[in-house]
Amino acid sequence: MKKLYVGNLPFSATEDEVTELFGQYGTVHSVALINDRETGRPRGFGFIEVDDNDLSGMIQNLDGKEMGGRALRVNEAQDKPRGGGGGGGRW
């Protein structure tokens, strides 16, 4: 399975709407729309888990496609680099 990053989503977008849109181009395993921690409001982006062989077709067909008056940005999600753990300390 691969993970897609989807940016510039309309704030009104639901997981069902995103699943339906991306499902036209392959198998969608999960959709996670990101909300602001403090306000609980949508932040306008999310992540979608899809089958490996559906990834490039979804990017080709949906990057730049309009949804709710906004042009979607779709690309393969990059794994977040693991931090070395902050904290001061003496040197």
N, C-alpha and C. Protein backbone atom coordinates (compact mmCIF):
# COMPACT_ATOMS: atom_id res chain seq x y z
N MET A 1 0.83 -1.19 0.00
CA MET A 1 0.00 0.00 0.00
C MET A 1 0.87 1.25 0.00
N LYS A 2 0.39 2.29 -0.66
CA LYS A 2 1.09 3.57 -0.73
C LYS A 2 0.20 4.65 -0.13
N LYS A 3 0.83 5.76 0.22
CA LYS A 3 0.09 6.86 0.81
C LYS A 3 0.22 8.10 -0.07
N LEU A 4 -0.92 8.73 -0.33
CA LEU A 4 -0.97 9.96 -1.09
C LEU A 4 -1.18 11.14 -0.16
N TYR A 5 -0.56 12.26 -0.49
CA TYR A 5 -0.84 13.53 0.18
C TYR A 5 -1.81 14.27 -0.73
N VAL A 6 -2.88 14.81 -0.16
CA VAL A 6 -3.84 15.60 -0.92
C VAL A 6 -3.95 16.96 -0.25
N GLY A 7 -3.53 18.00 -0.97
CA GLY A 7 -3.58 19.35 -0.43
C GLY A 7 -4.57 20.22 -1.17
N ASN A 8 -4.86 21.35 -0.58
CA ASN A 8 -5.78 22.34 -1.13
C ASN A 8 -7.20 21.82 -1.23
N LEU A 9 -7.56 20.93 -0.29
CA LEU A 9 -8.94 20.43 -0.24
C LEU A 9 -9.86 21.54 0.23
N PRO A 10 -11.11 21.55 -0.27
CA PRO A 10 -12.06 22.51 0.28
C PRO A 10 -12.30 22.16 1.75
N PHE A 11 -12.49 23.16 2.58
CA PHE A 11 -12.67 22.91 4.01
C PHE A 11 -13.95 22.14 4.29
N SER A 12 -14.87 22.12 3.32
CA SER A 12 -16.13 21.40 3.49
C SER A 12 -16.04 19.93 3.09
N ALA A 13 -14.90 19.50 2.54
CA ALA A 13 -14.74 18.13 2.04
C ALA A 13 -14.91 17.12 3.18
N THR A 14 -15.58 16.01 2.86
CA THR A 14 -15.74 14.93 3.83
C THR A 14 -14.91 13.73 3.38
N GLU A 15 -14.66 12.81 4.31
CA GLU A 15 -13.91 11.60 3.96
C GLU A 15 -14.65 10.80 2.89
N ASP A 16 -15.98 10.77 2.97
CA ASP A 16 -16.77 10.04 1.97
C ASP A 16 -16.62 10.64 0.58
N GLU A 17 -16.63 11.98 0.49
CA GLU A 17 -16.48 12.64 -0.81
C GLU A 17 -15.10 12.37 -1.40
N VAL A 18 -14.07 12.42 -0.57
CA VAL A 18 -12.71 12.17 -1.04
C VAL A 18 -12.57 10.71 -1.48
N THR A 19 -13.14 9.79 -0.69
CA THR A 19 -13.10 8.37 -1.04
C THR A 19 -13.78 8.13 -2.38
N GLU A 20 -14.92 8.77 -2.58
CA GLU A 20 -15.67 8.59 -3.83
C GLU A 20 -14.87 9.13 -5.03
N LEU A 21 -14.28 10.31 -4.88
CA LEU A 21 -13.51 10.91 -5.97
C LEU A 21 -12.31 10.04 -6.34
N PHE A 22 -11.51 9.66 -5.35
CA PHE A 22 -10.30 8.89 -5.62
C PHE A 22 -10.64 7.45 -6.01
N GLY A 23 -11.77 6.94 -5.53
CA GLY A 23 -12.19 5.59 -5.84
C GLY A 23 -12.50 5.38 -7.32
N GLN A 24 -12.73 6.48 -8.05
CA GLN A 24 -12.96 6.37 -9.49
C GLN A 24 -11.70 5.91 -10.23
N TYR A 25 -10.54 6.03 -9.57
CA TYR A 25 -9.26 5.73 -10.22
C TYR A 25 -8.51 4.57 -9.55
N GLY A 26 -9.16 3.88 -8.63
CA GLY A 26 -8.51 2.74 -7.99
C GLY A 26 -9.10 2.46 -6.62
N THR A 27 -8.41 1.61 -5.88
CA THR A 27 -8.88 1.18 -4.57
C THR A 27 -8.35 2.12 -3.48
N VAL A 28 -9.29 2.64 -2.69
CA VAL A 28 -8.95 3.51 -1.56
C VAL A 28 -9.14 2.69 -0.29
N HIS A 29 -8.06 2.57 0.49
CA HIS A 29 -8.13 1.79 1.73
C HIS A 29 -8.51 2.65 2.92
N SER A 30 -8.03 3.90 2.95
CA SER A 30 -8.39 4.78 4.06
C SER A 30 -8.18 6.23 3.66
N VAL A 31 -8.93 7.11 4.31
CA VAL A 31 -8.81 8.55 4.11
C VAL A 31 -8.71 9.18 5.49
N ALA A 32 -7.73 10.06 5.66
CA ALA A 32 -7.58 10.79 6.93
C ALA A 32 -7.46 12.27 6.60
N LEU A 33 -8.52 13.03 6.89
CA LEU A 33 -8.48 14.47 6.70
C LEU A 33 -7.99 15.10 8.00
N ILE A 34 -7.07 16.03 7.88
CA ILE A 34 -6.41 16.59 9.06
C ILE A 34 -7.15 17.83 9.56
N ASN A 35 -7.41 17.84 10.88
CA ASN A 35 -8.06 18.98 11.53
C ASN A 35 -7.08 19.69 12.44
N ASP A 36 -7.32 20.97 12.65
CA ASP A 36 -6.51 21.77 13.56
C ASP A 36 -6.70 21.25 14.98
N ARG A 37 -5.62 21.06 15.72
CA ARG A 37 -5.70 20.53 17.08
C ARG A 37 -6.48 21.43 18.02
N GLU A 38 -6.30 22.73 17.87
CA GLU A 38 -6.92 23.67 18.80
C GLU A 38 -8.38 23.96 18.47
N THR A 39 -8.69 24.17 17.19
CA THR A 39 -10.05 24.58 16.82
C THR A 39 -10.91 23.41 16.34
N GLY A 40 -10.27 22.32 15.92
CA GLY A 40 -11.03 21.18 15.40
C GLY A 40 -11.50 21.40 13.96
N ARG A 41 -11.15 22.53 13.38
CA ARG A 41 -11.55 22.83 12.00
C ARG A 41 -10.62 22.14 11.01
N PRO A 42 -11.17 21.82 9.82
CA PRO A 42 -10.33 21.19 8.78
C PRO A 42 -9.19 22.10 8.37
N ARG A 43 -8.04 21.49 8.08
CA ARG A 43 -6.86 22.26 7.67
C ARG A 43 -6.68 22.28 6.15
N GLY A 44 -7.53 21.55 5.42
CA GLY A 44 -7.47 21.60 3.97
C GLY A 44 -6.51 20.61 3.33
N PHE A 45 -6.10 19.60 4.09
CA PHE A 45 -5.27 18.55 3.49
C PHE A 45 -5.52 17.23 4.21
N GLY A 46 -5.02 16.16 3.59
CA GLY A 46 -5.21 14.85 4.18
C GLY A 46 -4.33 13.82 3.50
N PHE A 47 -4.51 12.58 3.95
CA PHE A 47 -3.72 11.46 3.43
C PHE A 47 -4.66 10.33 3.06
N ILE A 48 -4.31 9.64 1.97
CA ILE A 48 -5.14 8.55 1.46
C ILE A 48 -4.24 7.35 1.22
N GLU A 49 -4.65 6.20 1.74
CA GLU A 49 -3.91 4.96 1.48
C GLU A 49 -4.56 4.25 0.31
N VAL A 50 -3.74 3.90 -0.69
CA VAL A 50 -4.23 3.28 -1.93
C VAL A 50 -3.35 2.10 -2.30
N ASP A 51 -3.84 1.29 -3.22
CA ASP A 51 -3.02 0.19 -3.75
C ASP A 51 -1.83 0.75 -4.50
N ASP A 52 -0.69 0.07 -4.41
CA ASP A 52 0.54 0.52 -5.07
C ASP A 52 0.32 0.82 -6.55
N ASN A 53 -0.37 -0.08 -7.25
CA ASN A 53 -0.52 0.07 -8.70
C ASN A 53 -1.53 1.14 -9.09
N ASP A 54 -2.26 1.73 -8.14
CA ASP A 54 -3.23 2.78 -8.44
C ASP A 54 -2.63 4.18 -8.22
N LEU A 55 -1.50 4.24 -7.54
CA LEU A 55 -0.92 5.52 -7.12
C LEU A 55 -0.69 6.48 -8.28
N SER A 56 0.06 6.06 -9.30
CA SER A 56 0.42 6.99 -10.37
C SER A 56 -0.80 7.46 -11.16
N GLY A 57 -1.76 6.58 -11.37
CA GLY A 57 -2.98 6.97 -12.08
C GLY A 57 -3.78 8.01 -11.33
N MET A 58 -3.83 7.86 -10.02
CA MET A 58 -4.56 8.84 -9.20
C MET A 58 -3.87 10.20 -9.26
N ILE A 59 -2.54 10.18 -9.16
CA ILE A 59 -1.80 11.45 -9.22
C ILE A 59 -2.03 12.11 -10.57
N GLN A 60 -1.89 11.34 -11.66
CA GLN A 60 -2.06 11.89 -13.01
C GLN A 60 -3.45 12.48 -13.21
N ASN A 61 -4.48 11.76 -12.76
CA ASN A 61 -5.85 12.16 -13.04
C ASN A 61 -6.38 13.23 -12.08
N LEU A 62 -5.84 13.30 -10.87
CA LEU A 62 -6.45 14.18 -9.88
C LEU A 62 -5.62 15.38 -9.46
N ASP A 63 -4.31 15.38 -9.75
CA ASP A 63 -3.50 16.55 -9.41
C ASP A 63 -3.96 17.72 -10.30
N GLY A 64 -4.40 18.80 -9.67
CA GLY A 64 -4.90 19.95 -10.41
C GLY A 64 -6.39 19.92 -10.67
N LYS A 65 -7.04 18.78 -10.40
CA LYS A 65 -8.49 18.68 -10.60
C LYS A 65 -9.20 19.56 -9.58
N GLU A 66 -10.27 20.19 -10.02
CA GLU A 66 -11.00 21.08 -9.14
C GLU A 66 -11.99 20.31 -8.27
N MET A 67 -12.00 20.66 -7.00
CA MET A 67 -12.99 20.11 -6.06
C MET A 67 -13.44 21.26 -5.18
N GLY A 68 -14.72 21.55 -5.22
CA GLY A 68 -15.25 22.64 -4.41
C GLY A 68 -14.61 23.98 -4.72
N GLY A 69 -14.24 24.20 -6.00
CA GLY A 69 -13.66 25.47 -6.40
C GLY A 69 -12.17 25.60 -6.12
N ARG A 70 -11.54 24.51 -5.69
CA ARG A 70 -10.09 24.55 -5.39
C ARG A 70 -9.38 23.49 -6.21
N ALA A 71 -8.20 23.82 -6.72
CA ALA A 71 -7.41 22.87 -7.50
C ALA A 71 -6.62 21.99 -6.53
N LEU A 72 -6.90 20.70 -6.55
CA LEU A 72 -6.23 19.76 -5.65
C LEU A 72 -4.74 19.64 -5.96
N ARG A 73 -3.96 19.42 -4.93
CA ARG A 73 -2.55 19.08 -5.09
C ARG A 73 -2.41 17.64 -4.61
N VAL A 74 -2.00 16.76 -5.51
CA VAL A 74 -1.92 15.33 -5.17
C VAL A 74 -0.53 14.82 -5.51
N ASN A 75 0.14 14.23 -4.52
CA ASN A 75 1.43 13.58 -4.77
C ASN A 75 1.67 12.50 -3.73
N GLU A 76 2.70 11.71 -3.97
CA GLU A 76 3.01 10.64 -3.03
C GLU A 76 3.49 11.25 -1.72
N ALA A 77 2.93 10.77 -0.63
CA ALA A 77 3.31 11.29 0.69
C ALA A 77 4.73 10.86 1.01
N GLN A 78 5.47 11.77 1.59
CA GLN A 78 6.84 11.47 2.02
C GLN A 78 6.81 11.12 3.50
N ASP A 79 7.53 10.08 3.87
CA ASP A 79 7.60 9.73 5.28
C ASP A 79 8.26 10.86 6.04
N LYS A 80 7.68 11.17 7.18
CA LYS A 80 8.23 12.23 8.02
C LYS A 80 9.56 11.75 8.59
N PRO A 81 10.62 12.55 8.45
CA PRO A 81 11.90 12.10 9.02
C PRO A 81 11.80 12.03 10.54
N ARG A 82 12.37 11.00 11.07
CA ARG A 82 12.36 10.84 12.53
C ARG A 82 13.33 11.84 13.14
N GLY A 83 12.85 12.59 14.09
CA GLY A 83 13.71 13.57 14.75
C GLY A 83 14.70 12.89 15.66
N GLY A 84 15.78 13.54 15.93
CA GLY A 84 16.79 12.99 16.82
C GLY A 84 16.44 13.20 18.28
N GLY A 85 15.25 13.71 18.55
CA GLY A 85 14.84 13.97 19.92
C GLY A 85 15.49 15.25 20.39
N GLY A 86 14.73 16.21 20.76
CA GLY A 86 15.26 17.52 21.14
C GLY A 86 15.99 17.46 22.46
N GLY A 87 15.73 18.38 23.27
CA GLY A 87 16.35 18.38 24.59
C GLY A 87 17.73 18.98 24.56
N GLY A 88 18.01 19.73 25.56
CA GLY A 88 19.31 20.40 25.62
C GLY A 88 20.39 19.44 26.03
N GLY A 89 21.04 19.75 27.06
CA GLY A 89 22.14 18.91 27.48
C GLY A 89 23.44 19.68 27.40
N ARG A 90 24.38 19.18 28.06
CA ARG A 90 25.67 19.87 28.05
C ARG A 90 26.54 19.34 26.95
N TRP A 91 27.44 20.17 26.51
CA TRP A 91 28.37 19.74 25.48
C TRP A 91 29.71 20.03 25.88
